[in-house]
C-alpha atoms as a PDB file:
ATOM      1  CA  MET A   1     -79.967  25.053  27.658  1.00  0.00           C
ATOM      2  CA  ALA A   2     -78.630  26.787  31.154  1.00  0.00           C
ATOM      3  CA  THR A   3     -80.298  25.567  33.969  1.00  0.00           C
ATOM      4  CA  VAL A   4     -82.014  29.032  35.965  1.00  0.00           C
ATOM      5  CA  LEU A   5     -80.496  28.790  39.659  1.00  0.00           C
ATOM      6  CA  LYS A   6     -83.620  29.228  41.830  1.00  0.00           C
ATOM      7  CA  ALA A   7     -83.482  30.614  45.347  1.00  0.00           C
ATOM      8  CA  PHE A   8     -85.592  30.395  48.215  1.00  0.00           C
ATOM      9  CA  SER A   9     -85.297  30.662  52.048  1.00  0.00           C
ATOM     10  CA  LYS A  10     -85.230  28.438  54.255  1.00  0.00           C
ATOM     11  CA  ALA A  11     -88.731  28.486  55.041  1.00  0.00           C
ATOM     12  CA  GLU A  12     -89.163  27.524  51.495  1.00  0.00           C
ATOM     13  CA  LEU A  13     -87.283  24.607  51.213  1.00  0.00           C
ATOM     14  CA  ILE A  14     -88.822  23.322  53.958  1.00  0.00           C
ATOM     15  CA  LYS A  15     -91.906  23.226  52.417  1.00  0.00           C
ATOM     16  CA  LYS A  16     -90.629  21.438  49.741  1.00  0.00           C
ATOM     17  CA  PHE A  17     -88.875  18.796  51.790  1.00  0.00           C
ATOM     18  CA  LYS A  18     -92.131  18.325  52.954  1.00  0.00           C
ATOM     19  CA  ALA A  19     -94.027  18.473  49.799  1.00  0.00           C
ATOM     20  CA  ILE A  20     -91.504  15.517  48.596  1.00  0.00           C
ATOM     21  CA  TYR A  21     -92.179  13.452  51.570  1.00  0.00           C
ATOM     22  CA  ALA A  22     -95.810  13.436  50.601  1.00  0.00           C
ATOM     23  CA  LYS A  23     -95.341  12.386  46.942  1.00  0.00           C
ATOM     24  CA  GLY A  24     -94.791   8.933  48.778  1.00  0.00           C
ATOM     25  CA  TRP A  25     -92.422   6.260  47.114  1.00  0.00           C
ATOM     26  CA  ILE A  26     -90.353   7.438  44.452  1.00  0.00           C
ATOM     27  CA  GLU A  27     -88.607   5.440  41.735  1.00  0.00           C
ATOM     28  CA  ASN A  28     -84.869   5.227  41.490  1.00  0.00           C
ATOM     29  CA  TYR A  29     -84.314   6.181  38.003  1.00  0.00           C
ATOM     30  CA  ARG A  30     -80.380   7.204  38.711  1.00  0.00           C
ATOM     31  CA  LYS A  31     -79.539   3.279  37.853  1.00  0.00           C
ATOM     32  CA  GLY A  32     -76.393   2.476  38.865  1.00  0.00           C
ATOM     33  CA  ASN A  33     -75.309   5.319  40.757  1.00  0.00           C
ATOM     34  CA  ASP A  34     -74.208   5.157  45.039  1.00  0.00           C
ATOM     35  CA  GLY A  35     -75.421   8.944  45.341  1.00  0.00           C
ATOM     36  CA  ALA A  36     -79.036   8.118  43.123  1.00  0.00           C
ATOM     37  CA  VAL A  37     -80.952   9.337  47.018  1.00  0.00           C
ATOM     38  CA  GLY A  38     -79.105  12.537  46.554  1.00  0.00           C
ATOM     39  CA  ASN A  39     -79.224  12.812  43.235  1.00  0.00           C
ATOM     40  CA  ILE A  40     -82.952  12.554  42.879  1.00  0.00           C
ATOM     41  CA  LEU A  41     -83.552  14.721  45.966  1.00  0.00           C
ATOM     42  CA  GLU A  42     -81.644  17.508  44.112  1.00  0.00           C
ATOM     43  CA  ASP A  43     -83.537  16.785  40.964  1.00  0.00           C
ATOM     44  CA  LEU A  44     -87.215  17.155  42.913  1.00  0.00           C
ATOM     45  CA  LEU A  45     -85.257  20.302  44.968  1.00  0.00           C
ATOM     46  CA  GLU A  46     -84.148  22.000  41.289  1.00  0.00           C
ATOM     47  CA  ILE A  47     -81.018  22.648  42.447  1.00  0.00           C
ATOM     48  CA  PRO A  48     -77.616  21.788  41.071  1.00  0.00           C
ATOM     49  CA  GLU A  49     -75.166  19.532  42.681  1.00  0.00           C
ATOM     50  CA  ASN A  50     -75.601  19.888  46.887  1.00  0.00           C
ATOM     51  CA  ASN A  51     -75.081  23.404  47.414  1.00  0.00           C
ATOM     52  CA  LEU A  52     -78.537  24.842  48.322  1.00  0.00           C
ATOM     53  CA  PRO A  53     -79.360  28.494  47.258  1.00  0.00           C
ATOM     54  CA  ILE A  54     -80.152  30.340  50.229  1.00  0.00           C
ATOM     55  CA  PRO A  55     -79.749  33.618  49.732  1.00  0.00           C
ATOM     56  CA  ASN A  56     -78.606  36.159  52.615  1.00  0.00           C
ATOM     57  CA  ALA A  57     -77.626  33.198  54.972  1.00  0.00           C
ATOM     58  CA  ALA A  58     -74.324  31.287  55.636  1.00  0.00           C
ATOM     59  CA  GLU A  59     -73.575  28.976  52.767  1.00  0.00           C
ATOM     60  CA  TRP A  60     -75.794  25.890  54.081  1.00  0.00           C
ATOM     61  CA  GLU A  61     -74.725  22.329  51.960  1.00  0.00           C
ATOM     62  CA  LEU A  62     -77.470  19.249  50.918  1.00  0.00           C
ATOM     63  CA  LYS A  63     -76.210  15.854  52.532  1.00  0.00           C
ATOM     64  CA  ALA A  64     -78.381  12.825  51.540  1.00  0.00           C
ATOM     65  CA  GLN A  65     -78.475   8.802  52.554  1.00  0.00           C
ATOM     66  CA  ARG A  66     -80.012   5.866  52.389  1.00  0.00           C
ATOM     67  CA  ALA A  67     -81.412   4.770  56.034  1.00  0.00           C
ATOM     68  CA  ASN A  68     -79.634   1.468  55.836  1.00  0.00           C
ATOM     69  CA  SER A  69     -76.374   2.930  54.427  1.00  0.00           C
ATOM     70  CA  SER A  70     -73.462   2.082  56.765  1.00  0.00           C
ATOM     71  CA  SER A  71     -70.845   3.655  54.172  1.00  0.00           C
ATOM     72  CA  LEU A  72     -68.973   6.940  55.335  1.00  0.00           C
ATOM     73  CA  LEU A  73     -68.610   9.841  53.911  1.00  0.00           C
ATOM     74  CA  THR A  74     -65.233  11.581  53.257  1.00  0.00           C
ATOM     75  CA  MET A  75     -65.473  15.012  54.943  1.00  0.00           C
ATOM     76  CA  PHE A  76     -61.954  16.443  53.643  1.00  0.00           C
ATOM     77  CA  HIS A  77     -58.621  15.709  52.807  1.00  0.00           C
ATOM     78  CA  THR A  78     -55.274  16.424  54.688  1.00  0.00           C
ATOM     79  CA  GLU A  79     -52.097  15.034  55.306  1.00  0.00           C
ATOM     80  CA  PRO A  80     -50.017  14.748  58.502  1.00  0.00           C
ATOM     81  CA  SER A  81     -47.670  16.956  59.899  1.00  0.00           C
ATOM     82  CA  PRO A  82     -44.665  17.360  60.237  1.00  0.00           C
ATOM     83  CA  THR A  83     -45.964  18.557  56.115  1.00  0.00           C
ATOM     84  CA  ALA A  84     -41.956  19.218  55.569  1.00  0.00           C
ATOM     85  CA  LEU A  85     -41.211  15.517  56.009  1.00  0.00           C
ATOM     86  CA  THR A  86     -43.481  14.733  53.802  1.00  0.00           C
ATOM     87  CA  ILE A  87     -43.620  11.734  56.057  1.00  0.00           C
ATOM     88  CA  ILE A  88     -46.329   9.279  54.431  1.00  0.00           C
ATOM     89  CA  PRO A  89     -43.842   8.697  51.422  1.00  0.00           C
ATOM     90  CA  SER A  90     -40.792   9.261  53.907  1.00  0.00           C
ATOM     91  CA  GLN A  91     -41.257   7.150  56.989  1.00  0.00           C
ATOM     92  CA  MET A  92     -44.783   4.941  56.483  1.00  0.00           C
ATOM     93  CA  LEU A  93     -44.512   3.740  53.340  1.00  0.00           C
ATOM     94  CA  PRO A  94     -40.259   2.757  53.387  1.00  0.00           C
ATOM     95  CA  LEU A  95     -40.290   1.670  56.817  1.00  0.00           C
ATOM     96  CA  TYR A  96     -44.143   0.460  57.978  1.00  0.00           C
ATOM     97  CA  GLY A  97     -45.862  -0.418  54.501  1.00  0.00           C
ATOM     98  CA  TRP A  98     -46.432  -3.817  52.677  1.00  0.00           C
ATOM     99  CA  PRO A  99     -46.060  -5.311  49.901  1.00  0.00           C
ATOM    100  CA  HIS A 100     -49.123  -4.459  47.163  1.00  0.00           C
ATOM    101  CA  ASP A 101     -51.221  -6.843  46.070  1.00  0.00           C
ATOM    102  CA  LYS A 102     -50.057  -6.222  42.691  1.00  0.00           C
ATOM    103  CA  ALA A 103     -46.587  -5.546  43.043  1.00  0.00           C
ATOM    104  CA  GLY A 104     -44.954  -7.714  40.341  1.00  0.00           C
ATOM    105  CA  LYS A 105     -47.662  -7.411  37.972  1.00  0.00           C
ATOM    106  CA  GLU A 106     -49.618  -3.916  37.311  1.00  0.00           C
ATOM    107  CA  TYR A 107     -46.775  -2.215  39.860  1.00  0.00           C
ATOM    108  CA  PRO A 108     -43.086  -2.782  40.423  1.00  0.00           C
ATOM    109  CA  ALA A 109     -41.841  -5.554  42.304  1.00  0.00           C
ATOM    110  CA  ASP A 110     -41.201  -4.049  45.213  1.00  0.00           C
ATOM    111  CA  GLU A 111     -44.347  -1.648  45.115  1.00  0.00           C
ATOM    112  CA  LYS A 112     -45.607  -1.203  48.866  1.00  0.00           C
ATOM    113  CA  SER A 113     -48.967  -0.119  50.137  1.00  0.00           C
ATOM    114  CA  PHE A 114     -50.196   1.196  53.441  1.00  0.00           C
ATOM    115  CA  ARG A 115     -53.874   1.673  53.430  1.00  0.00           C
ATOM    116  CA  ALA A 116     -55.338   1.707  56.872  1.00  0.00           C
ATOM    117  CA  THR A 117     -58.989   3.166  57.873  1.00  0.00           C
ATOM    118  CA  LEU A 118     -58.001   4.207  61.709  1.00  0.00           C
ATOM    119  CA  ASN A 119     -59.831   5.236  64.886  1.00  0.00           C
ATOM    120  CA  ALA A 120     -59.273   6.114  68.181  1.00  0.00           C
ATOM    121  CA  LYS A 121     -61.509   3.481  69.747  1.00  0.00           C
ATOM    122  CA  GLN A 122     -59.008   0.378  68.235  1.00  0.00           C
ATOM    123  CA  TYR A 123     -55.640  -0.735  66.980  1.00  0.00           C
ATOM    124  CA  SER A 124     -55.834  -2.044  63.348  1.00  0.00           C
ATOM    125  CA  ASP A 125     -54.566  -5.596  62.846  1.00  0.00           C
ATOM    126  CA  ARG A 126     -51.141  -3.933  61.978  1.00  0.00           C
ATOM    127  CA  GLY A 127     -51.341  -2.531  65.659  1.00  0.00           C
ATOM    128  CA  PHE A 128     -51.744   1.492  64.692  1.00  0.00           C
ATOM    129  CA  LYS A 129     -54.350   3.203  66.258  1.00  0.00           C
ATOM    130  CA  VAL A 130     -55.451   7.449  67.021  1.00  0.00           C
ATOM    131  CA  TYR A 131     -54.654   8.818  69.544  1.00  0.00           C
ATOM    132  CA  VAL A 132     -56.414  12.590  71.196  1.00  0.00           C
ATOM    133  CA  ASN A 133     -53.702  13.777  72.950  1.00  0.00           C
ATOM    134  CA  ASP A 134     -55.221  16.733  74.597  1.00  0.00           C
ATOM    135  CA  LYS A 135     -52.164  17.882  76.725  1.00  0.00           C
ATOM    136  CA  GLU A 136     -50.505  18.955  73.182  1.00  0.00           C
ATOM    137  CA  ARG A 137     -53.599  19.511  71.456  1.00  0.00           C
ATOM    138  CA  LYS A 138     -52.817  17.156  68.493  1.00  0.00           C
ATOM    139  CA  VAL A 139     -54.364  14.210  67.123  1.00  0.00           C
ATOM    140  CA  GLU A 140     -51.859  11.612  66.397  1.00  0.00           C
ATOM    141  CA  VAL A 141     -51.309   8.043  64.812  1.00  0.00           C
ATOM    142  CA  ILE A 142     -49.304   5.872  66.886  1.00  0.00           C
ATOM    143  CA  PHE A 143     -48.209   2.098  66.521  1.00  0.00           C
ATOM    144  CA  ASP A 144     -47.717  -0.312  69.064  1.00  0.00           C
ATOM    145  CA  SER A 145     -46.464  -3.723  68.303  1.00  0.00           C
ATOM    146  CA  LYS A 146     -48.437  -5.874  70.886  1.00  0.00           C
ATOM    147  CA  HIS A 147     -51.173  -5.352  69.247  1.00  0.00           C
ATOM    148  CA  THR A 148     -50.898  -6.825  66.007  1.00  0.00           C
ATOM    149  CA  ASP A 149     -52.123  -9.760  64.747  1.00  0.00           C
ATOM    150  CA  THR A 150     -50.510 -13.068  64.524  1.00  0.00           C
ATOM    151  CA  ARG A 151     -51.298 -13.194  60.928  1.00  0.00           C
ATOM    152  CA  HIS A 152     -48.812 -10.051  59.976  1.00  0.00           C
ATOM    153  CA  SER A 153     -45.977 -11.509  62.046  1.00  0.00           C
ATOM    154  CA  GLU A 154     -43.760 -11.716  59.039  1.00  0.00           C
ATOM    155  CA  TRP A 155     -44.281  -8.157  58.476  1.00  0.00           C
ATOM    156  CA  LEU A 156     -43.902  -7.178  61.637  1.00  0.00           C
ATOM    157  CA  LYS A 157     -40.177  -9.207  61.502  1.00  0.00           C
ATOM    158  CA  SER A 158     -39.627  -6.692  58.367  1.00  0.00           C
ATOM    159  CA  VAL A 159     -40.340  -3.700  60.213  1.00  0.00           C
ATOM    160  CA  LYS A 160     -38.222  -4.095  62.734  1.00  0.00           C
ATOM    161  CA  LYS A 161     -35.438  -5.122  60.514  1.00  0.00           C
ATOM    162  CA  ARG A 162     -36.251  -1.547  58.730  1.00  0.00           C
ATOM    163  CA  VAL A 163     -36.500   0.590  61.668  1.00  0.00           C
ATOM    164  CA  GLY A 164     -34.359  -1.383  64.277  1.00  0.00           C
ATOM    165  CA  HIS A 165     -36.935  -1.519  67.254  1.00  0.00           C
ATOM    166  CA  LEU A 166     -40.769  -2.419  67.535  1.00  0.00           C
ATOM    167  CA  ASN A 167     -41.775   0.593  69.735  1.00  0.00           C
ATOM    168  CA  ASN A 168     -43.855   3.813  68.472  1.00  0.00           C
ATOM    169  CA  PHE A 169     -42.919   6.173  65.484  1.00  0.00           C
ATOM    170  CA  GLU A 170     -39.865   8.426  65.853  1.00  0.00           C
ATOM    171  CA  ILE A 171     -41.413  11.076  64.353  1.00  0.00           C
ATOM    172  CA  VAL A 172     -45.316  10.446  65.426  1.00  0.00           C
ATOM    173  CA  PRO A 173     -47.602  11.507  62.503  1.00  0.00           C
ATOM    174  CA  TYR A 174     -50.154  14.303  63.932  1.00  0.00           C
ATOM    175  CA  TRP A 175     -52.730  17.350  63.195  1.00  0.00           C
ATOM    176  CA  GLY A 176     -52.762  20.011  65.283  1.00  0.00           C
ATOM    177  CA  PHE A 177     -56.330  20.398  66.876  1.00  0.00           C
ATOM    178  CA  ASP A 178     -56.270  24.484  65.290  1.00  0.00           C
ATOM    179  CA  ASP A 179     -55.367  22.983  61.770  1.00  0.00           C
ATOM    180  CA  LEU A 180     -58.231  20.855  61.930  1.00  0.00           C
ATOM    181  CA  PHE A 181     -60.949  23.455  63.213  1.00  0.00           C
ATOM    182  CA  HIS A 182     -59.645  25.426  60.025  1.00  0.00           C
ATOM    183  CA  LYS A 183     -59.720  22.774  57.572  1.00  0.00           C
ATOM    184  CA  ALA A 184     -63.295  20.884  59.307  1.00  0.00           C
ATOM    185  CA  GLY A 185     -65.174  24.540  59.886  1.00  0.00           C
ATOM    186  CA  THR A 186     -64.965  25.406  56.144  1.00  0.00           C
ATOM    187  CA  LYS A 187     -65.963  21.950  54.810  1.00  0.00           C
ATOM    188  CA  LEU A 188     -68.576  21.367  56.887  1.00  0.00           C
ATOM    189  CA  LYS A 189     -71.180  23.973  56.650  1.00  0.00           C
ATOM    190  CA  ASN A 190     -74.358  24.241  58.089  1.00  0.00           C
ATOM    191  CA  CYS A 191     -76.497  21.658  56.008  1.00  0.00           C
ATOM    192  CA  PHE A 192     -79.677  19.967  55.345  1.00  0.00           C
ATOM    193  CA  TYR A 193     -79.415  15.957  56.579  1.00  0.00           C
ATOM    194  CA  VAL A 194     -81.894  13.589  54.400  1.00  0.00           C
ATOM    195  CA  ARG A 195     -82.884  10.088  55.105  1.00  0.00           C
ATOM    196  CA  ALA A 196     -84.481   7.946  52.358  1.00  0.00           C
ATOM    197  CA  ASP A 197     -85.953   4.377  53.301  1.00  0.00           C
ATOM    198  CA  VAL A 198     -85.348   2.487  50.401  1.00  0.00           C
ATOM    199  CA  LYS A 199     -87.378  -0.106  49.176  1.00  0.00           C
ATOM    200  CA  THR A 200     -87.751  -3.204  46.026  1.00  0.00           C
ATOM    201  CA  GLU A 201     -90.654  -4.379  44.432  1.00  0.00           C
ATOM    202  CA  LYS A 202     -91.207  -6.359  41.385  1.00  0.00           C
ATOM    203  CA  VAL A 203     -92.986  -4.150  38.542  1.00  0.00           C
ATOM    204  CA  GLY A 204     -93.717  -6.249  35.004  1.00  0.00           C
ATOM    205  CA  GLY A 205     -91.372  -9.019  35.918  1.00  0.00           C
ATOM    206  CA  LYS A 206     -88.418  -6.770  36.943  1.00  0.00           C
ATOM    207  CA  ARG A 207     -86.744  -5.397  40.430  1.00  0.00           C
ATOM    208  CA  LYS A 208     -87.419  -1.676  40.861  1.00  0.00           C
ATOM    209  CA  GLU A 209     -85.755   0.588  43.467  1.00  0.00           C
ATOM    210  CA  TYR A 210     -88.409   2.859  45.447  1.00  0.00           C
ATOM    211  CA  PHE A 211     -86.748   6.110  47.809  1.00  0.00           C
ATOM    212  CA  LEU A 212     -89.011   7.609  50.471  1.00  0.00           C
ATOM    213  CA  TYR A 213     -87.733  10.891  52.022  1.00  0.00           C
ATOM    214  CA  ASN A 214     -89.125  10.517  55.534  1.00  0.00           C
ATOM    215  CA  TYR A 215     -86.189  12.207  57.937  1.00  0.00           C
ATOM    216  CA  VAL A 216     -84.983  15.663  57.666  1.00  0.00           C
ATOM    217  CA  LEU A 217     -82.812  17.447  60.150  1.00  0.00           C
ATOM    218  CA  LYS A 218     -81.769  20.852  59.734  1.00  0.00           C
ATOM    219  CA  LEU A 219     -78.091  21.432  61.047  1.00  0.00           C
ATOM    220  CA  SER A 220     -76.462  24.541  62.200  1.00  0.00           C
ATOM    221  CA  ASN A 221     -73.083  25.763  63.710  1.00  0.00           C
ATOM    222  CA  PHE A 222     -70.525  23.041  63.229  1.00  0.00           C
ATOM    223  CA  ASP A 223     -68.895  23.006  67.364  1.00  0.00           C
ATOM    224  CA  GLN A 224     -65.120  21.848  67.308  1.00  0.00           C
ATOM    225  CA  ASP A 225     -65.470  20.791  70.729  1.00  0.00           C
ATOM    226  CA  LYS A 226     -68.095  17.953  69.420  1.00  0.00           C
ATOM    227  CA  PHE A 227     -65.455  17.472  66.336  1.00  0.00           C
ATOM    228  CA  ILE A 228     -62.660  16.527  68.478  1.00  0.00           C
ATOM    229  CA  GLN A 229     -65.025  14.405  71.078  1.00  0.00           C
ATOM    230  CA  ALA A 230     -65.773  12.491  67.840  1.00  0.00           C
ATOM    231  CA  ILE A 231     -62.625  11.460  67.023  1.00  0.00           C
ATOM    232  CA  ARG A 232     -61.648  10.604  70.510  1.00  0.00           C
ATOM    233  CA  ASP A 233     -65.539   8.434  70.700  1.00  0.00           C
ATOM    234  CA  GLY A 234     -64.022   6.309  67.346  1.00  0.00           C
ATOM    235  CA  LYS A 235     -66.740   8.072  65.158  1.00  0.00           C
ATOM    236  CA  ILE A 236     -64.074   9.718  62.817  1.00  0.00           C
ATOM    237  CA  TYR A 237     -62.058   7.643  60.669  1.00  0.00           C
ATOM    238  CA  ILE A 238     -58.206   8.594  59.523  1.00  0.00           C
ATOM    239  CA  ASP A 239     -58.068   6.952  55.935  1.00  0.00           C
ATOM    240  CA  PHE A 240     -54.576   6.412  54.412  1.00  0.00           C
ATOM    241  CA  ASP A 241     -54.571   5.701  50.948  1.00  0.00           C
ATOM    242  CA  ALA A 242     -51.101   5.024  49.746  1.00  0.00           C
ATOM    243  CA  ARG A 243     -48.641   3.223  47.118  1.00  0.00           C
ATOM    244  CA  SER A 244     -44.959   3.816  46.748  1.00  0.00           C
ATOM    245  CA  GLY A 245     -45.890   5.018  43.561  1.00  0.00           C
ATOM    246  CA  HIS A 246     -48.526   7.400  44.138  1.00  0.00           C
ATOM    247  CA  ASN A 247     -50.463   9.043  47.215  1.00  0.00           C
ATOM    248  CA  HIS A 248     -54.040   9.196  46.852  1.00  0.00           C
ATOM    249  CA  GLY A 249     -54.419  11.184  49.921  1.00  0.00           C
ATOM    250  CA  THR A 250     -55.054  10.719  53.522  1.00  0.00           C
ATOM    251  CA  LYS A 251     -58.928  11.284  54.495  1.00  0.00           C
ATOM    252  CA  PHE A 252     -60.906  12.406  57.658  1.00  0.00           C
ATOM    253  CA  ARG A 253     -64.153  10.607  57.215  1.00  0.00           C
ATOM    254  CA  ILE A 254     -67.847   9.600  59.024  1.00  0.00           C
ATOM    255  CA  LYS A 255     -70.458   7.945  58.955  1.00  0.00           C
ATOM    256  CA  TYR A 256     -73.560   9.195  58.543  1.00  0.00           C
ATOM    257  CA  ASN A 257     -75.646   8.647  60.663  1.00  0.00           C
ATOM    258  CA  ASP A 258     -73.139  10.365  63.290  1.00  0.00           C
ATOM    259  CA  ILE A 259     -72.853  13.978  61.149  1.00  0.00           C
ATOM    260  CA  PRO A 260     -75.746  15.409  63.925  1.00  0.00           C
ATOM    261  CA  SER A 261     -73.547  14.894  66.844  1.00  0.00           C
ATOM    262  CA  LEU A 262     -71.016  17.415  65.270  1.00  0.00           C
ATOM    263  CA  TYR A 263     -73.079  20.303  65.326  1.00  0.00           C
ATOM    264  CA  LYS A 264     -74.607  22.741  67.927  1.00  0.00           C
ATOM    265  CA  ASN A 265     -77.948  23.020  66.577  1.00  0.00           C
ATOM    266  CA  SER A 266     -79.789  20.420  65.487  1.00  0.00           C
ATOM    267  CA  GLU A 267     -83.577  20.997  64.166  1.00  0.00           C
ATOM    268  CA  VAL A 268     -85.714  18.115  63.037  1.00  0.00           C
ATOM    269  CA  VAL A 269     -88.284  18.897  59.644  1.00  0.00           C
ATOM    270  CA  ILE A 270     -89.257  15.641  59.196  1.00  0.00           C
ATOM    271  CA  ASP A 271     -89.744  12.432  61.108  1.00  0.00           C
ATOM    272  CA  LYS A 272     -91.752   9.847  59.681  1.00  0.00           C
ATOM    273  CA  ARG A 273     -89.019   7.074  59.791  1.00  0.00           C
ATOM    274  CA  ASN A 274     -92.832   4.903  61.148  1.00  0.00           C
ATOM    275  CA  ASP A 275     -95.129   5.448  58.144  1.00  0.00           C
ATOM    276  CA  GLN A 276     -94.901   3.315  55.458  1.00  0.00           C
END
């Protein structure tokens, strides 16, 4: 039988959040589910997935997390420019990749990997970093061999042999500010941002987990300048996940706790984080 989709105003939704908090600790019945905090909240709100059915308003989403989580949220996927050069399979993998840990086993013996999570605050152990080029209005990925850890000395020698030098990329991967603004603006909709405290208790000889939905923010008006500043501050990560046989896509990711910093307006709906 199809679920009947209920629509309610933002005021009604806020009332529902407060009623859920008033229920106190709620058992996690979504065992083995990393998204249990959000799934159970959706069940309590009686909504499908994370789209909030608020009529006559811009689209809203629900983002929920455990208060003690340090996991990264994938905001969107987008490949670097110049897109016509398909720069990851044409440059990053053949010239800067390293042997895949399953090469010669699950994959061919010459299978290479380029998996890296980069930000603008520090170089990776292989010498890669994100750079905000304000003059050209680009977010770039740069390479500086001086920042390569000695553990990767053999890899660095192979890069020099393959490329012919250890300077920065001849073709610098980048994303234009305007392209990023468009991509982020369509993905980072207005949202209710919910965090839940977590506890475990032994009940009848079994460990059970419980959630307390005690922190809710209403976030609106995604801000382009704040987005670029978050990249500059190292709050946003660019995650490459490619191997010779397949590119799993390049992701822009952020820690849940940093999501509010991307919006112009932040309104506290519930903040009972000290209540137990």
